[in-house]
Structures are given as C-alpha cells and as structure tokens.
Amino acid sequence: MNIGELVSLPELRSELARVDALLRSSVAVEDDPILTEAATHLIAAGGKRLRPTLAVAAALAGVNAPVPESVIEGAAAVELVHLGSLYHDDVLDGATTRRAVPTVNSKWDNFIAIIAGDYLLARASSLAARLGTEVTALLADTIAELCRGQAREHRDAFSLERSIKGYEACIDGKTASLLATSARMGALAADLPREHVDALTNFARNFGMAFQIRDDLLDITGTDEELGKPAGNDLVEGVYTLPVIYALREPGIGDELRALLGGPIDTPERDKARDLVRSSTGVRTAEDAGREWARMATAELALLPNSPMKERFIALSNALF
C-alpha cells in the first residue's frame, strides 16, 4: 500500500528513526551474536513499519514532536510483537522468503526462528511493562487475540464452507487487533483525551480489517515481486480468504473451484484456482467489502480535531482501495 501519504510529514519520519534505533538496541544480546543477528534479521530488512507508524501518528494527532519516549517504547513494542508473530508464521508455513530476504527458519533453522520469535515477544513485553499496567494488559490481551486468530485460521484450513463471519473474526484477531493496539498505545502514551484514544483505536481496527482484505486480494491478484513472498500461497495453505469465499458461492465458477480446492494442491492447480477467482465476481465483491471497512475507519476520525495528522489518516485509509 502507499503509506507515503502518511510518512511524508518530516516530524513523523524523525520519530520513526527513533523507533528503529530502539528496536535494534532492545533486542541486541551482548554475549550471543547468533540470537542478535536472528532477532534483528527482519528489523534490518525494513518493511512498512505500519504498526509503529500508527502508534507514533496517533500520538502526533494530539501532541507535537518530539513525542515522549513512552510513545517510542510503545511503538517499538507493537512492532516486536508483529515481528515475533512473523517468525512463528514462517516456521508454520515453511516459508523461505519474507520481505524479499530469506526467512530466519530458512537462513538458520526452525529452532532458531522459534527462539528468536519468542525472544522478540519477551522484549516487547518488557518495553510495555515500562508504560504501566493498562498498556501491559493491553499488549498481553492483544497477543492472546493474535493466537486466537491464528487458531481460528488453522481450524478453518481447507474448509470449503468457511463463512464470511468466520473470516472476519479471524482477520480481526490476527491483524486488526494489533493495529488497534498500536494506535491505542500511542494515544495512551501521549496522554490524549480518552474519547480521542477510543476514536483512534476504532479507526485503526476498521482500517486493519480493510488492510487485511486488501492483502488477501493481493495474494490472488499480485505477483511474487509485489508481495515479497510467493503469490497464491494462501490457496496452497488452505486459507480461503474473502475473494475465494465469494467465488466459491458463484454458480459455475464455484463448482469448478470446489473441485480444485478442499485439500492440498500443486502449483498448476494453484495457478488455475487463482485464475478462476480472478475471473469471478469475488475480487470485486471483496474490494467492495474492504472499501466499506475503510469508509467506517474514516468515519471514526470525525471526533478528532482537525490536524495535518488527521488528514494523513484519511489519506492512508483512502489509499487502500
């Protein structure tokens, strides 16, 4: 997605540089170079930094730069949770690339990847503990939501009867919850009025729903180069996302798709399934659903006072679809 509309503010770029510095220093292990290298592997690879961006931007919706150090600590904590979950996901998926670089499990092994992922989650918890009991509980509850979302996705794997409600509950847990927490942590750490904290939280949750739908659409319509990982991998993993759910319900195409899916598939079957979904109305219908989530996200911002950051939030939401 084009996050440039949001990060174009100079004060936000300088604050995110502070976050990056803290990310690296907080996971360095003086007497264990292998764990340090593994733990910083995806930090060094870069990425969108969407979660810490939301945390810092939420703070900047109510305070001027430089933001308090507590905001930087909260932003780093949510990014470490995200990275730790990616390490675990790559082990479960047997993924070999992430952000156009080898995954930790392929560069080292599954043991190192799991240990490094656990270590990142521990460091995130340590940062959150500096910010008080409300933030500590918030992060712990969010990690639990991530686990529930992943468990639901695993339970629904290869299910041709996956419901839209079940899909939305899954992406709420595995994606939207952490984005909501990111904005909430930034707003809380900046001591914004509680009604503004809640509005930013709701914005980020709805935005997260739209963001994940867009990501799922890209797995159907995008390329390996665009994604930084193999396209169509959700189909291979049996994760039937919103465009697939809609395509399965379409007369004609749905029957042909059902004959392909429901179990493990090879590369030619994956490509045929992607072609079928792309030729259905599932992509357009999923885009409409994502657009509605983005609209609801923008509506949550009405309570906030006008500011350059509010405008950037609106631009970010509009850039999704």
C-alpha atoms as a PDB file:
ATOM      1  CA  MET A   1       0.000   0.000   0.000  1.00  0.00           C
ATOM      2  CA  ASN A   2       1.078   3.610  -0.436  1.00  0.00           C
ATOM      3  CA  ILE A   3       1.975   4.568   3.101  1.00  0.00           C
ATOM      4  CA  GLY A   4       3.960   7.520   1.759  1.00  0.00           C
ATOM      5  CA  GLU A   5       0.916   9.779   2.221  1.00  0.00           C
ATOM      6  CA  LEU A   6       1.266   9.294   5.956  1.00  0.00           C
ATOM      7  CA  VAL A   7       5.044   9.215   6.436  1.00  0.00           C
ATOM      8  CA  SER A   8       5.593  12.309   4.309  1.00  0.00           C
ATOM      9  CA  LEU A   9       5.471  14.517   7.396  1.00  0.00           C
ATOM     10  CA  PRO A  10       9.085  15.266   8.422  1.00  0.00           C
ATOM     11  CA  GLU A  11       8.324  15.029  12.150  1.00  0.00           C
ATOM     12  CA  LEU A  12       6.917  11.522  11.700  1.00  0.00           C
ATOM     13  CA  ARG A  13       9.974  10.335   9.783  1.00  0.00           C
ATOM     14  CA  SER A  14      12.296  11.576  12.521  1.00  0.00           C
ATOM     15  CA  GLU A  15      10.210   9.888  15.220  1.00  0.00           C
ATOM     16  CA  LEU A  16      10.242   6.574  13.337  1.00  0.00           C
ATOM     17  CA  ALA A  17      14.043   6.800  13.198  1.00  0.00           C
ATOM     18  CA  ARG A  18      13.931   6.842  16.994  1.00  0.00           C
ATOM     19  CA  VAL A  19      11.734   3.733  16.912  1.00  0.00           C
ATOM     20  CA  ASP A  20      14.176   1.917  14.619  1.00  0.00           C
ATOM     21  CA  ALA A  21      17.089   2.725  16.899  1.00  0.00           C
ATOM     22  CA  LEU A  22      15.181   1.376  19.903  1.00  0.00           C
ATOM     23  CA  LEU A  23      14.155  -1.767  18.008  1.00  0.00           C
ATOM     24  CA  ARG A  24      17.784  -2.620  17.322  1.00  0.00           C
ATOM     25  CA  SER A  25      19.101  -1.800  20.774  1.00  0.00           C
ATOM     26  CA  SER A  26      16.283  -3.555  22.626  1.00  0.00           C
ATOM     27  CA  VAL A  27      16.925  -6.943  21.005  1.00  0.00           C
ATOM     28  CA  ALA A  28      20.732  -6.930  20.978  1.00  0.00           C
ATOM     29  CA  VAL A  29      22.259  -9.707  23.097  1.00  0.00           C
ATOM     30  CA  GLU A  30      25.806  -8.834  24.095  1.00  0.00           C
ATOM     31  CA  ASP A  31      27.057 -12.403  24.550  1.00  0.00           C
ATOM     32  CA  ASP A  32      25.010 -14.134  21.816  1.00  0.00           C
ATOM     33  CA  PRO A  33      25.748 -12.851  18.294  1.00  0.00           C
ATOM     34  CA  ILE A  34      23.622 -15.540  16.619  1.00  0.00           C
ATOM     35  CA  LEU A  35      20.482 -14.633  18.589  1.00  0.00           C
ATOM     36  CA  THR A  36      21.187 -10.941  17.982  1.00  0.00           C
ATOM     37  CA  GLU A  37      21.547 -11.484  14.240  1.00  0.00           C
ATOM     38  CA  ALA A  38      18.426 -13.646  14.073  1.00  0.00           C
ATOM     39  CA  ALA A  39      16.375 -11.229  16.187  1.00  0.00           C
ATOM     40  CA  THR A  40      17.397  -8.209  14.092  1.00  0.00           C
ATOM     41  CA  HIS A  41      17.068 -10.027  10.750  1.00  0.00           C
ATOM     42  CA  LEU A  42      13.652  -8.646   9.784  1.00  0.00           C
ATOM     43  CA  ILE A  43      14.292  -5.320  11.513  1.00  0.00           C
ATOM     44  CA  ALA A  44      17.217  -4.828   9.138  1.00  0.00           C
ATOM     45  CA  ALA A  45      15.075  -5.955   6.179  1.00  0.00           C
ATOM     46  CA  GLY A  46      12.838  -2.914   6.671  1.00  0.00           C
ATOM     47  CA  GLY A  47       9.176  -3.206   5.748  1.00  0.00           C
ATOM     48  CA  LYS A  48       6.168  -0.915   6.000  1.00  0.00           C
ATOM     49  CA  ARG A  49       6.542  -0.287   9.760  1.00  0.00           C
ATOM     50  CA  LEU A  50       2.780   0.208   9.691  1.00  0.00           C
ATOM     51  CA  ARG A  51       2.230  -0.615  13.354  1.00  0.00           C
ATOM     52  CA  PRO A  52       4.808   1.734  14.877  1.00  0.00           C
ATOM     53  CA  THR A  53       3.752   4.360  12.334  1.00  0.00           C
ATOM     54  CA  LEU A  54       0.181   4.132  13.618  1.00  0.00           C
ATOM     55  CA  ALA A  55       1.397   4.365  17.210  1.00  0.00           C
ATOM     56  CA  VAL A  56       3.502   7.473  16.625  1.00  0.00           C
ATOM     57  CA  ALA A  57       0.930   9.047  14.295  1.00  0.00           C
ATOM     58  CA  ALA A  58      -1.825   8.540  16.876  1.00  0.00           C
ATOM     59  CA  ALA A  59       0.289  10.438  19.383  1.00  0.00           C
ATOM     60  CA  LEU A  60       1.008  13.196  16.857  1.00  0.00           C
ATOM     61  CA  ALA A  61      -2.740  13.604  16.334  1.00  0.00           C
ATOM     62  CA  GLY A  62      -2.740  15.284  19.752  1.00  0.00           C
ATOM     63  CA  VAL A  63       0.810  16.350  20.665  1.00  0.00           C
ATOM     64  CA  ASN A  64       3.707  17.987  18.884  1.00  0.00           C
ATOM     65  CA  ALA A  65       7.001  16.342  18.035  1.00  0.00           C
ATOM     66  CA  PRO A  66       9.185  15.196  19.587  1.00  0.00           C
ATOM     67  CA  VAL A  67       6.817  12.721  21.209  1.00  0.00           C
ATOM     68  CA  PRO A  68       7.542  11.404  24.706  1.00  0.00           C
ATOM     69  CA  GLU A  69       9.903   8.444  24.952  1.00  0.00           C
ATOM     70  CA  SER A  70       6.948   6.391  26.200  1.00  0.00           C
ATOM     71  CA  VAL A  71       5.373   6.674  22.720  1.00  0.00           C
ATOM     72  CA  ILE A  72       8.578   5.400  21.107  1.00  0.00           C
ATOM     73  CA  GLU A  73       8.656   2.480  23.543  1.00  0.00           C
ATOM     74  CA  GLY A  74       5.032   1.606  22.792  1.00  0.00           C
ATOM     75  CA  ALA A  75       5.663   1.823  19.045  1.00  0.00           C
ATOM     76  CA  ALA A  76       8.683  -0.469  19.308  1.00  0.00           C
ATOM     77  CA  ALA A  77       6.726  -2.933  21.451  1.00  0.00           C
ATOM     78  CA  VAL A  78       3.935  -3.405  18.897  1.00  0.00           C
ATOM     79  CA  GLU A  79       6.455  -3.849  16.076  1.00  0.00           C
ATOM     80  CA  LEU A  80       8.321  -6.506  18.068  1.00  0.00           C
ATOM     81  CA  VAL A  81       5.047  -8.385  18.620  1.00  0.00           C
ATOM     82  CA  HIS A  82       4.382  -8.225  14.890  1.00  0.00           C
ATOM     83  CA  LEU A  83       7.880  -9.434  14.002  1.00  0.00           C
ATOM     84  CA  GLY A  84       7.746 -12.237  16.554  1.00  0.00           C
ATOM     85  CA  SER A  85       4.471 -13.461  15.071  1.00  0.00           C
ATOM     86  CA  LEU A  86       6.019 -13.400  11.578  1.00  0.00           C
ATOM     87  CA  TYR A  87       8.897 -15.604  12.736  1.00  0.00           C
ATOM     88  CA  HIS A  88       6.405 -18.138  14.087  1.00  0.00           C
ATOM     89  CA  ASP A  89       4.201 -17.901  10.965  1.00  0.00           C
ATOM     90  CA  ASP A  90       7.168 -18.616   8.696  1.00  0.00           C
ATOM     91  CA  VAL A  91       8.003 -21.757  10.655  1.00  0.00           C
ATOM     92  CA  LEU A  92       4.395 -22.976  10.467  1.00  0.00           C
ATOM     93  CA  ASP A  93       4.184 -22.177   6.745  1.00  0.00           C
ATOM     94  CA  GLY A  94       7.646 -23.439   5.854  1.00  0.00           C
ATOM     95  CA  ALA A  95       8.198 -20.056   4.187  1.00  0.00           C
ATOM     96  CA  THR A  96      11.578 -19.373   2.608  1.00  0.00           C
ATOM     97  CA  THR A  97      11.334 -15.632   1.885  1.00  0.00           C
ATOM     98  CA  ARG A  98       9.932 -12.651   3.733  1.00  0.00           C
ATOM     99  CA  ARG A  99      10.359  -9.008   2.682  1.00  0.00           C
ATOM    100  CA  ALA A 100      12.472 -10.234  -0.237  1.00  0.00           C
ATOM    101  CA  VAL A 101      15.082 -11.792   2.091  1.00  0.00           C
ATOM    102  CA  PRO A 102      15.455 -15.374   3.375  1.00  0.00           C
ATOM    103  CA  THR A 103      13.304 -16.148   6.403  1.00  0.00           C
ATOM    104  CA  VAL A 104      15.024 -16.868   9.702  1.00  0.00           C
ATOM    105  CA  ASN A 105      13.939 -20.506   9.544  1.00  0.00           C
ATOM    106  CA  SER A 106      15.494 -20.943   6.092  1.00  0.00           C
ATOM    107  CA  LYS A 107      18.679 -18.995   6.879  1.00  0.00           C
ATOM    108  CA  TRP A 108      19.211 -20.813  10.181  1.00  0.00           C
ATOM    109  CA  ASP A 109      16.613 -23.411  11.224  1.00  0.00           C
ATOM    110  CA  ASN A 110      13.202 -23.743  12.869  1.00  0.00           C
ATOM    111  CA  PHE A 111      14.704 -23.874  16.367  1.00  0.00           C
ATOM    112  CA  ILE A 112      16.458 -20.525  15.982  1.00  0.00           C
ATOM    113  CA  ALA A 113      13.353 -18.996  14.377  1.00  0.00           C
ATOM    114  CA  ILE A 114      11.076 -20.078  17.226  1.00  0.00           C
ATOM    115  CA  ILE A 115      13.529 -18.998  19.923  1.00  0.00           C
ATOM    116  CA  ALA A 116      14.096 -15.643  18.198  1.00  0.00           C
ATOM    117  CA  GLY A 117      10.339 -15.145  17.816  1.00  0.00           C
ATOM    118  CA  ASP A 118       9.791 -15.882  21.497  1.00  0.00           C
ATOM    119  CA  TYR A 119      12.628 -13.523  22.377  1.00  0.00           C
ATOM    120  CA  LEU A 120      11.053 -10.692  20.372  1.00  0.00           C
ATOM    121  CA  LEU A 121       7.736 -11.196  22.183  1.00  0.00           C
ATOM    122  CA  ALA A 122       9.557 -11.149  25.531  1.00  0.00           C
ATOM    123  CA  ARG A 123      11.335  -7.921  24.660  1.00  0.00           C
ATOM    124  CA  ALA A 124       8.017  -6.396  23.579  1.00  0.00           C
ATOM    125  CA  SER A 125       6.522  -7.289  26.952  1.00  0.00           C
ATOM    126  CA  SER A 126       9.490  -5.736  28.729  1.00  0.00           C
ATOM    127  CA  LEU A 127       9.035  -2.448  26.853  1.00  0.00           C
ATOM    128  CA  ALA A 128       5.296  -2.430  27.569  1.00  0.00           C
ATOM    129  CA  ALA A 129       5.921  -3.037  31.273  1.00  0.00           C
ATOM    130  CA  ARG A 130       7.655   0.355  31.451  1.00  0.00           C
ATOM    131  CA  LEU A 131       4.414   2.046  30.417  1.00  0.00           C
ATOM    132  CA  GLY A 132       2.129   0.892  33.213  1.00  0.00           C
ATOM    133  CA  THR A 133      -0.385  -1.834  33.937  1.00  0.00           C
ATOM    134  CA  GLU A 134      -3.020  -0.697  31.396  1.00  0.00           C
ATOM    135  CA  VAL A 135      -0.575  -0.886  28.500  1.00  0.00           C
ATOM    136  CA  THR A 136       0.928  -4.149  29.772  1.00  0.00           C
ATOM    137  CA  ALA A 137      -2.511  -5.760  29.952  1.00  0.00           C
ATOM    138  CA  LEU A 138      -3.420  -4.316  26.545  1.00  0.00           C
ATOM    139  CA  LEU A 139      -0.382  -5.881  24.891  1.00  0.00           C
ATOM    140  CA  ALA A 140      -0.921  -9.225  26.638  1.00  0.00           C
ATOM    141  CA  ASP A 141      -4.568  -9.307  25.577  1.00  0.00           C
ATOM    142  CA  THR A 142      -3.538  -8.469  22.004  1.00  0.00           C
ATOM    143  CA  ILE A 143      -1.034 -11.326  21.881  1.00  0.00           C
ATOM    144  CA  ALA A 144      -3.870 -13.590  23.039  1.00  0.00           C
ATOM    145  CA  GLU A 145      -6.068 -12.184  20.231  1.00  0.00           C
ATOM    146  CA  LEU A 146      -3.327 -12.942  17.717  1.00  0.00           C
ATOM    147  CA  CYS A 147      -3.186 -16.528  18.969  1.00  0.00           C
ATOM    148  CA  ARG A 148      -6.957 -16.919  18.752  1.00  0.00           C
ATOM    149  CA  GLY A 149      -6.984 -15.507  15.234  1.00  0.00           C
ATOM    150  CA  GLN A 150      -4.292 -17.914  14.109  1.00  0.00           C
ATOM    151  CA  ALA A 151      -6.037 -20.825  15.824  1.00  0.00           C
ATOM    152  CA  ARG A 152      -9.292 -19.986  14.022  1.00  0.00           C
ATOM    153  CA  GLU A 153      -7.433 -19.811  10.710  1.00  0.00           C
ATOM    154  CA  HIS A 154      -5.870 -23.210  11.374  1.00  0.00           C
ATOM    155  CA  ARG A 155      -9.251 -24.683  12.299  1.00  0.00           C
ATOM    156  CA  ASP A 156     -10.810 -23.376   9.099  1.00  0.00           C
ATOM    157  CA  ALA A 157      -7.951 -24.541   6.858  1.00  0.00           C
ATOM    158  CA  PHE A 158      -9.159 -26.149   3.588  1.00  0.00           C
ATOM    159  CA  SER A 159     -12.801 -25.613   4.575  1.00  0.00           C
ATOM    160  CA  LEU A 160     -14.977 -25.001   1.521  1.00  0.00           C
ATOM    161  CA  GLU A 161     -17.746 -23.857   3.873  1.00  0.00           C
ATOM    162  CA  ARG A 162     -15.775 -21.106   5.571  1.00  0.00           C
ATOM    163  CA  SER A 163     -18.186 -18.294   6.419  1.00  0.00           C
ATOM    164  CA  ILE A 164     -17.725 -14.569   5.955  1.00  0.00           C
ATOM    165  CA  LYS A 165     -18.345 -14.123   9.682  1.00  0.00           C
ATOM    166  CA  GLY A 166     -15.637 -16.658  10.497  1.00  0.00           C
ATOM    167  CA  TYR A 167     -13.222 -14.994   8.088  1.00  0.00           C
ATOM    168  CA  GLU A 168     -13.844 -11.556   9.625  1.00  0.00           C
ATOM    169  CA  ALA A 169     -13.372 -12.909  13.158  1.00  0.00           C
ATOM    170  CA  CYS A 170     -10.066 -14.411  12.045  1.00  0.00           C
ATOM    171  CA  ILE A 171      -8.645 -11.250  10.466  1.00  0.00           C
ATOM    172  CA  ASP A 172      -9.890  -9.167  13.371  1.00  0.00           C
ATOM    173  CA  GLY A 173      -7.796 -11.341  15.676  1.00  0.00           C
ATOM    174  CA  LYS A 174      -4.681 -11.824  13.590  1.00  0.00           C
ATOM    175  CA  THR A 175      -4.381  -8.344  12.029  1.00  0.00           C
ATOM    176  CA  ALA A 176      -6.875  -5.682  13.110  1.00  0.00           C
ATOM    177  CA  SER A 177      -6.369  -6.235  16.843  1.00  0.00           C
ATOM    178  CA  LEU A 178      -2.659  -5.373  16.692  1.00  0.00           C
ATOM    179  CA  LEU A 179      -3.274  -2.297  14.545  1.00  0.00           C
ATOM    180  CA  ALA A 180      -5.922  -1.126  17.011  1.00  0.00           C
ATOM    181  CA  THR A 181      -3.500  -1.713  19.863  1.00  0.00           C
ATOM    182  CA  SER A 182      -0.778   0.207  18.031  1.00  0.00           C
ATOM    183  CA  ALA A 183      -2.900   3.332  17.770  1.00  0.00           C
ATOM    184  CA  ARG A 184      -4.217   2.931  21.296  1.00  0.00           C
ATOM    185  CA  MET A 185      -0.742   2.554  22.797  1.00  0.00           C
ATOM    186  CA  GLY A 186       0.488   5.677  21.038  1.00  0.00           C
ATOM    187  CA  ALA A 187      -2.538   7.685  22.106  1.00  0.00           C
ATOM    188  CA  LEU A 188      -2.358   6.454  25.705  1.00  0.00           C
ATOM    189  CA  ALA A 189       1.381   7.096  25.931  1.00  0.00           C
ATOM    190  CA  ALA A 190       0.802  10.646  24.669  1.00  0.00           C
ATOM    191  CA  ASP A 191      -1.931  11.118  27.311  1.00  0.00           C
ATOM    192  CA  LEU A 192      -4.602  12.099  24.781  1.00  0.00           C
ATOM    193  CA  PRO A 193      -8.219  12.583  25.934  1.00  0.00           C
ATOM    194  CA  ARG A 194      -9.912   9.235  26.424  1.00  0.00           C
ATOM    195  CA  GLU A 195     -12.529   9.879  23.724  1.00  0.00           C
ATOM    196  CA  HIS A 196      -9.719  10.551  21.239  1.00  0.00           C
ATOM    197  CA  VAL A 197      -7.942   7.369  22.352  1.00  0.00           C
ATOM    198  CA  ASP A 198     -11.105   5.393  21.660  1.00  0.00           C
ATOM    199  CA  ALA A 199     -11.690   7.062  18.279  1.00  0.00           C
ATOM    200  CA  LEU A 200      -8.127   6.324  17.144  1.00  0.00           C
ATOM    201  CA  THR A 201      -8.441   2.745  18.372  1.00  0.00           C
ATOM    202  CA  ASN A 202     -11.665   2.210  16.420  1.00  0.00           C
ATOM    203  CA  PHE A 203     -10.184   3.856  13.337  1.00  0.00           C
ATOM    204  CA  ALA A 204      -7.183   1.540  13.423  1.00  0.00           C
ATOM    205  CA  ARG A 205      -9.294  -1.588  13.952  1.00  0.00           C
ATOM    206  CA  ASN A 206     -11.539  -0.830  10.968  1.00  0.00           C
ATOM    207  CA  PHE A 207      -8.505   0.180   8.943  1.00  0.00           C
ATOM    208  CA  GLY A 208      -6.915  -3.152   9.907  1.00  0.00           C
ATOM    209  CA  MET A 209      -9.891  -5.055   8.565  1.00  0.00           C
ATOM    210  CA  ALA A 210      -9.654  -3.191   5.251  1.00  0.00           C
ATOM    211  CA  PHE A 211      -5.880  -3.596   5.191  1.00  0.00           C
ATOM    212  CA  GLN A 212      -6.068  -7.394   5.592  1.00  0.00           C
ATOM    213  CA  ILE A 213      -8.768  -7.725   2.926  1.00  0.00           C
ATOM    214  CA  ARG A 214      -6.515  -5.768   0.561  1.00  0.00           C
ATOM    215  CA  ASP A 215      -3.571  -8.014   1.475  1.00  0.00           C
ATOM    216  CA  ASP A 216      -5.676 -11.111   0.826  1.00  0.00           C
ATOM    217  CA  LEU A 217      -6.756  -9.720  -2.528  1.00  0.00           C
ATOM    218  CA  LEU A 218      -3.121  -9.147  -3.493  1.00  0.00           C
ATOM    219  CA  ASP A 219      -2.395 -12.818  -2.834  1.00  0.00           C
ATOM    220  CA  ILE A 220      -4.888 -13.563  -5.625  1.00  0.00           C
ATOM    221  CA  THR A 221      -4.105 -10.692  -7.998  1.00  0.00           C
ATOM    222  CA  GLY A 222      -0.465  -9.788  -7.248  1.00  0.00           C
ATOM    223  CA  THR A 223       2.954 -11.143  -8.186  1.00  0.00           C
ATOM    224  CA  ASP A 224       5.786 -12.644  -6.150  1.00  0.00           C
ATOM    225  CA  GLU A 225       7.761  -9.435  -6.607  1.00  0.00           C
ATOM    226  CA  GLU A 226       4.921  -7.218  -5.380  1.00  0.00           C
ATOM    227  CA  LEU A 227       4.321  -9.362  -2.317  1.00  0.00           C
ATOM    228  CA  GLY A 228       7.903 -10.236  -1.405  1.00  0.00           C
ATOM    229  CA  LYS A 229       6.695 -13.827  -0.994  1.00  0.00           C
ATOM    230  CA  PRO A 230       5.071 -16.462  -3.229  1.00  0.00           C
ATOM    231  CA  ALA A 231       1.721 -15.296  -4.646  1.00  0.00           C
ATOM    232  CA  GLY A 232      -1.196 -17.661  -4.199  1.00  0.00           C
ATOM    233  CA  ASN A 233       0.298 -19.112  -1.043  1.00  0.00           C
ATOM    234  CA  ASP A 234      -2.984 -18.732   0.865  1.00  0.00           C
ATOM    235  CA  LEU A 235      -4.609 -21.212  -1.521  1.00  0.00           C
ATOM    236  CA  VAL A 236      -1.761 -23.663  -1.036  1.00  0.00           C
ATOM    237  CA  GLU A 237      -2.056 -23.319   2.741  1.00  0.00           C
ATOM    238  CA  GLY A 238      -5.819 -23.843   2.595  1.00  0.00           C
ATOM    239  CA  VAL A 239      -6.522 -20.302   3.812  1.00  0.00           C
ATOM    240  CA  TYR A 240      -9.602 -19.368   1.800  1.00  0.00           C
ATOM    241  CA  THR A 241      -9.902 -15.596   2.008  1.00  0.00           C
ATOM    242  CA  LEU A 242     -12.795 -13.281   1.183  1.00  0.00           C
ATOM    243  CA  PRO A 243     -12.455 -13.249  -2.644  1.00  0.00           C
ATOM    244  CA  VAL A 244     -12.243 -17.059  -2.595  1.00  0.00           C
ATOM    245  CA  ILE A 245     -15.251 -17.375  -0.283  1.00  0.00           C
ATOM    246  CA  TYR A 246     -17.308 -15.238  -2.657  1.00  0.00           C
ATOM    247  CA  ALA A 247     -16.022 -17.091  -5.742  1.00  0.00           C
ATOM    248  CA  LEU A 248     -16.963 -20.444  -4.186  1.00  0.00           C
ATOM    249  CA  ARG A 249     -20.565 -19.211  -3.976  1.00  0.00           C
ATOM    250  CA  GLU A 250     -20.747 -18.162  -7.621  1.00  0.00           C
ATOM    251  CA  PRO A 251     -22.676 -20.514  -9.935  1.00  0.00           C
ATOM    252  CA  GLY A 252     -20.461 -22.297 -12.428  1.00  0.00           C
ATOM    253  CA  ILE A 253     -17.113 -20.954 -11.286  1.00  0.00           C
ATOM    254  CA  GLY A 254     -17.845 -22.042  -7.728  1.00  0.00           C
ATOM    255  CA  ASP A 255     -18.361 -25.663  -8.771  1.00  0.00           C
ATOM    256  CA  GLU A 256     -15.126 -25.700 -10.751  1.00  0.00           C
ATOM    257  CA  LEU A 257     -13.260 -24.105  -7.865  1.00  0.00           C
ATOM    258  CA  ARG A 258     -14.667 -26.580  -5.358  1.00  0.00           C
ATOM    259  CA  ALA A 259     -13.340 -29.421  -7.492  1.00  0.00           C
ATOM    260  CA  LEU A 260      -9.837 -27.969  -7.123  1.00  0.00           C
ATOM    261  CA  LEU A 261      -9.832 -26.855  -3.510  1.00  0.00           C
ATOM    262  CA  GLY A 262     -10.600 -28.537  -0.197  1.00  0.00           C
ATOM    263  CA  GLY A 263      -7.179 -30.168   0.163  1.00  0.00           C
ATOM    264  CA  PRO A 264      -3.503 -29.835  -0.773  1.00  0.00           C
ATOM    265  CA  ILE A 265      -2.838 -28.546  -4.303  1.00  0.00           C
ATOM    266  CA  ASP A 266       0.209 -28.357  -6.547  1.00  0.00           C
ATOM    267  CA  THR A 267       1.495 -25.305  -8.441  1.00  0.00           C
ATOM    268  CA  PRO A 268      -0.577 -25.814 -11.627  1.00  0.00           C
ATOM    269  CA  GLU A 269      -3.725 -26.284  -9.534  1.00  0.00           C
ATOM    270  CA  ARG A 270      -2.881 -23.171  -7.524  1.00  0.00           C
ATOM    271  CA  ASP A 271      -2.499 -21.145 -10.695  1.00  0.00           C
ATOM    272  CA  LYS A 272      -5.766 -22.461 -12.112  1.00  0.00           C
ATOM    273  CA  ALA A 273      -7.568 -21.670  -8.858  1.00  0.00           C
ATOM    274  CA  ARG A 274      -6.184 -18.115  -8.892  1.00  0.00           C
ATOM    275  CA  ASP A 275      -7.365 -17.685 -12.475  1.00  0.00           C
ATOM    276  CA  LEU A 276     -10.840 -18.865 -11.541  1.00  0.00           C
ATOM    277  CA  VAL A 277     -11.104 -16.482  -8.603  1.00  0.00           C
ATOM    278  CA  ARG A 278      -9.848 -13.595 -10.743  1.00  0.00           C
ATOM    279  CA  SER A 279     -12.457 -14.372 -13.397  1.00  0.00           C
ATOM    280  CA  SER A 280     -15.267 -14.417 -10.829  1.00  0.00           C
ATOM    281  CA  THR A 281     -17.064 -11.533  -9.155  1.00  0.00           C
ATOM    282  CA  GLY A 282     -15.305 -12.483  -5.916  1.00  0.00           C
ATOM    283  CA  VAL A 283     -12.493  -9.981  -6.353  1.00  0.00           C
ATOM    284  CA  ARG A 284     -14.830  -7.062  -6.981  1.00  0.00           C
ATOM    285  CA  THR A 285     -17.161  -8.056  -4.143  1.00  0.00           C
ATOM    286  CA  ALA A 286     -14.243  -8.385  -1.721  1.00  0.00           C
ATOM    287  CA  GLU A 287     -12.973  -4.965  -2.844  1.00  0.00           C
ATOM    288  CA  ASP A 288     -16.400  -3.504  -2.060  1.00  0.00           C
ATOM    289  CA  ALA A 289     -16.278  -5.045   1.416  1.00  0.00           C
ATOM    290  CA  GLY A 290     -12.795  -3.679   2.026  1.00  0.00           C
ATOM    291  CA  ARG A 291     -13.871  -0.261   0.810  1.00  0.00           C
ATOM    292  CA  GLU A 292     -16.726  -0.264   3.335  1.00  0.00           C
ATOM    293  CA  TRP A 293     -14.341  -1.084   6.200  1.00  0.00           C
ATOM    294  CA  ALA A 294     -12.100   1.771   5.039  1.00  0.00           C
ATOM    295  CA  ARG A 295     -15.115   4.109   4.982  1.00  0.00           C
ATOM    296  CA  MET A 296     -16.018   3.113   8.549  1.00  0.00           C
ATOM    297  CA  ALA A 297     -12.419   3.738   9.587  1.00  0.00           C
ATOM    298  CA  THR A 298     -12.514   7.263   8.208  1.00  0.00           C
ATOM    299  CA  ALA A 299     -15.861   7.940   9.907  1.00  0.00           C
ATOM    300  CA  GLU A 300     -14.267   7.254  13.319  1.00  0.00           C
ATOM    301  CA  LEU A 301     -11.970  10.246  12.802  1.00  0.00           C
ATOM    302  CA  ALA A 302     -14.848  12.752  12.908  1.00  0.00           C
ATOM    303  CA  LEU A 303     -14.411  13.188  16.655  1.00  0.00           C
ATOM    304  CA  LEU A 304     -10.773  14.281  16.331  1.00  0.00           C
ATOM    305  CA  PRO A 305      -9.850  17.952  15.950  1.00  0.00           C
ATOM    306  CA  ASN A 306      -8.604  18.950  12.513  1.00  0.00           C
ATOM    307  CA  SER A 307      -4.850  18.497  12.114  1.00  0.00           C
ATOM    308  CA  PRO A 308      -2.290  17.514   9.462  1.00  0.00           C
ATOM    309  CA  MET A 309      -2.124  14.037  11.002  1.00  0.00           C
ATOM    310  CA  LYS A 310      -5.885  13.579  10.807  1.00  0.00           C
ATOM    311  CA  GLU A 311      -5.655  14.396   7.106  1.00  0.00           C
ATOM    312  CA  ARG A 312      -2.857  11.849   6.722  1.00  0.00           C
ATOM    313  CA  PHE A 313      -5.022   9.191   8.395  1.00  0.00           C
ATOM    314  CA  ILE A 314      -7.818   9.923   5.940  1.00  0.00           C
ATOM    315  CA  ALA A 315      -5.391   9.732   3.010  1.00  0.00           C
ATOM    316  CA  LEU A 316      -3.974   6.446   4.303  1.00  0.00           C
ATOM    317  CA  SER A 317      -7.437   4.913   4.576  1.00  0.00           C
ATOM    318  CA  ASN A 318      -8.450   6.164   1.120  1.00  0.00           C
ATOM    319  CA  ALA A 319      -5.259   4.729  -0.417  1.00  0.00           C
ATOM    320  CA  LEU A 320      -6.333   1.154   0.351  1.00  0.00           C
ATOM    321  CA  PHE A 321      -8.959   0.826  -2.405  1.00  0.00           C
END
